[in-house]
Amino acid sequence: MKITLILLNNTPEVLWNGFRLANLMLEAMEDVSIFLNGPSVQYEQLDSAQFPLKELAKIFTLSEGRLFA
């Protein structure tokens, strides 16, 4: 199944949960894409110890997920 998540929020917790969900779906062998829109494009600047967005994005792309901005 092909799945696309559209993230358009700059709240770190929302982005973190979006990346976590996408990574879980990739583990289930789904075809997953994330489209970052608006303020969510700046997810790297929102990275923190509590919400490691860069790490989750790296795992996502290395697991054959597609990230669009």
C-alpha atoms as a PDB file:
ATOM      1  CA  MET A   1       0.000   0.000   0.000  1.00  0.00           C
ATOM      2  CA  LYS A   2       1.269   3.483  -0.828  1.00  0.00           C
ATOM      3  CA  ILE A   3       0.965   5.996   1.996  1.00  0.00           C
ATOM      4  CA  THR A   4       1.734   9.715   2.031  1.00  0.00           C
ATOM      5  CA  LEU A   5       1.900  11.752   5.210  1.00  0.00           C
ATOM      6  CA  ILE A   6       1.566  15.510   4.875  1.00  0.00           C
ATOM      7  CA  LEU A   7       3.128  17.456   7.720  1.00  0.00           C
ATOM      8  CA  LEU A   8       2.533  21.209   7.917  1.00  0.00           C
ATOM      9  CA  ASN A   9       3.208  22.084  11.510  1.00  0.00           C
ATOM     10  CA  ASN A  10       6.322  23.401  13.226  1.00  0.00           C
ATOM     11  CA  THR A  11       5.550  21.862  16.626  1.00  0.00           C
ATOM     12  CA  PRO A  12       8.429  19.468  17.417  1.00  0.00           C
ATOM     13  CA  GLU A  13       6.174  16.869  19.044  1.00  0.00           C
ATOM     14  CA  VAL A  14       3.841  16.739  16.037  1.00  0.00           C
ATOM     15  CA  LEU A  15       6.755  16.302  13.607  1.00  0.00           C
ATOM     16  CA  TRP A  16       8.367  13.703  15.872  1.00  0.00           C
ATOM     17  CA  ASN A  17       5.163  11.662  15.960  1.00  0.00           C
ATOM     18  CA  GLY A  18       4.807  11.957  12.180  1.00  0.00           C
ATOM     19  CA  PHE A  19       8.310  10.611  11.589  1.00  0.00           C
ATOM     20  CA  ARG A  20       7.790   7.854  14.163  1.00  0.00           C
ATOM     21  CA  LEU A  21       4.552   6.765  12.488  1.00  0.00           C
ATOM     22  CA  ALA A  22       6.212   6.776   9.071  1.00  0.00           C
ATOM     23  CA  ASN A  23       9.109   4.660  10.372  1.00  0.00           C
ATOM     24  CA  LEU A  24       6.683   2.150  11.903  1.00  0.00           C
ATOM     25  CA  MET A  25       4.849   1.858   8.590  1.00  0.00           C
ATOM     26  CA  LEU A  26       8.142   1.300   6.764  1.00  0.00           C
ATOM     27  CA  GLU A  27       8.907  -1.558   9.155  1.00  0.00           C
ATOM     28  CA  ALA A  28       5.574  -3.079   8.100  1.00  0.00           C
ATOM     29  CA  MET A  29       6.827  -2.998   4.491  1.00  0.00           C
ATOM     30  CA  GLU A  30       4.579  -0.174   3.336  1.00  0.00           C
ATOM     31  CA  ASP A  31       5.585   2.321   0.623  1.00  0.00           C
ATOM     32  CA  VAL A  32       5.734   5.565   2.631  1.00  0.00           C
ATOM     33  CA  SER A  33       6.355   9.182   1.628  1.00  0.00           C
ATOM     34  CA  ILE A  34       6.405  12.300   3.783  1.00  0.00           C
ATOM     35  CA  PHE A  35       5.596  15.676   2.284  1.00  0.00           C
ATOM     36  CA  LEU A  36       6.793  18.601   4.398  1.00  0.00           C
ATOM     37  CA  ASN A  37       4.800  21.764   3.762  1.00  0.00           C
ATOM     38  CA  GLY A  38       5.044  25.281   5.159  1.00  0.00           C
ATOM     39  CA  PRO A  39       6.780  25.598   8.528  1.00  0.00           C
ATOM     40  CA  SER A  40       7.477  21.860   8.804  1.00  0.00           C
ATOM     41  CA  VAL A  41      10.250  22.236   6.203  1.00  0.00           C
ATOM     42  CA  GLN A  42      12.432  23.655   9.001  1.00  0.00           C
ATOM     43  CA  TYR A  43      12.283  20.433  11.047  1.00  0.00           C
ATOM     44  CA  GLU A  44      16.093  20.312  11.378  1.00  0.00           C
ATOM     45  CA  GLN A  45      16.080  23.567  13.364  1.00  0.00           C
ATOM     46  CA  LEU A  46      13.542  22.080  15.796  1.00  0.00           C
ATOM     47  CA  ASP A  47      15.741  19.074  16.617  1.00  0.00           C
ATOM     48  CA  SER A  48      16.371  18.561  20.356  1.00  0.00           C
ATOM     49  CA  ALA A  49      17.277  15.826  22.828  1.00  0.00           C
ATOM     50  CA  GLN A  50      13.593  15.332  23.626  1.00  0.00           C
ATOM     51  CA  PHE A  51      12.528  15.252  19.960  1.00  0.00           C
ATOM     52  CA  PRO A  52      15.436  13.928  17.823  1.00  0.00           C
ATOM     53  CA  LEU A  53      13.939  14.887  14.469  1.00  0.00           C
ATOM     54  CA  LYS A  54      17.187  14.674  12.478  1.00  0.00           C
ATOM     55  CA  GLU A  55      17.791  11.119  13.666  1.00  0.00           C
ATOM     56  CA  LEU A  56      14.253   9.997  12.793  1.00  0.00           C
ATOM     57  CA  ALA A  57      14.459  11.662   9.367  1.00  0.00           C
ATOM     58  CA  LYS A  58      17.781   9.919   8.715  1.00  0.00           C
ATOM     59  CA  ILE A  59      16.325   6.531   9.685  1.00  0.00           C
ATOM     60  CA  PHE A  60      13.324   7.232   7.456  1.00  0.00           C
ATOM     61  CA  THR A  61      15.359   8.046   4.369  1.00  0.00           C
ATOM     62  CA  LEU A  62      17.851   5.220   4.909  1.00  0.00           C
ATOM     63  CA  SER A  63      14.886   2.812   5.171  1.00  0.00           C
ATOM     64  CA  GLU A  64      13.798   3.753   1.646  1.00  0.00           C
ATOM     65  CA  GLY A  65      11.210   6.297   2.738  1.00  0.00           C
ATOM     66  CA  ARG A  66      10.793   9.292   0.467  1.00  0.00           C
ATOM     67  CA  LEU A  67      10.963  12.779   1.941  1.00  0.00           C
ATOM     68  CA  PHE A  68       9.624  15.716  -0.092  1.00  0.00           C
ATOM     69  CA  ALA A  69       9.667  19.393   0.783  1.00  0.00           C
END
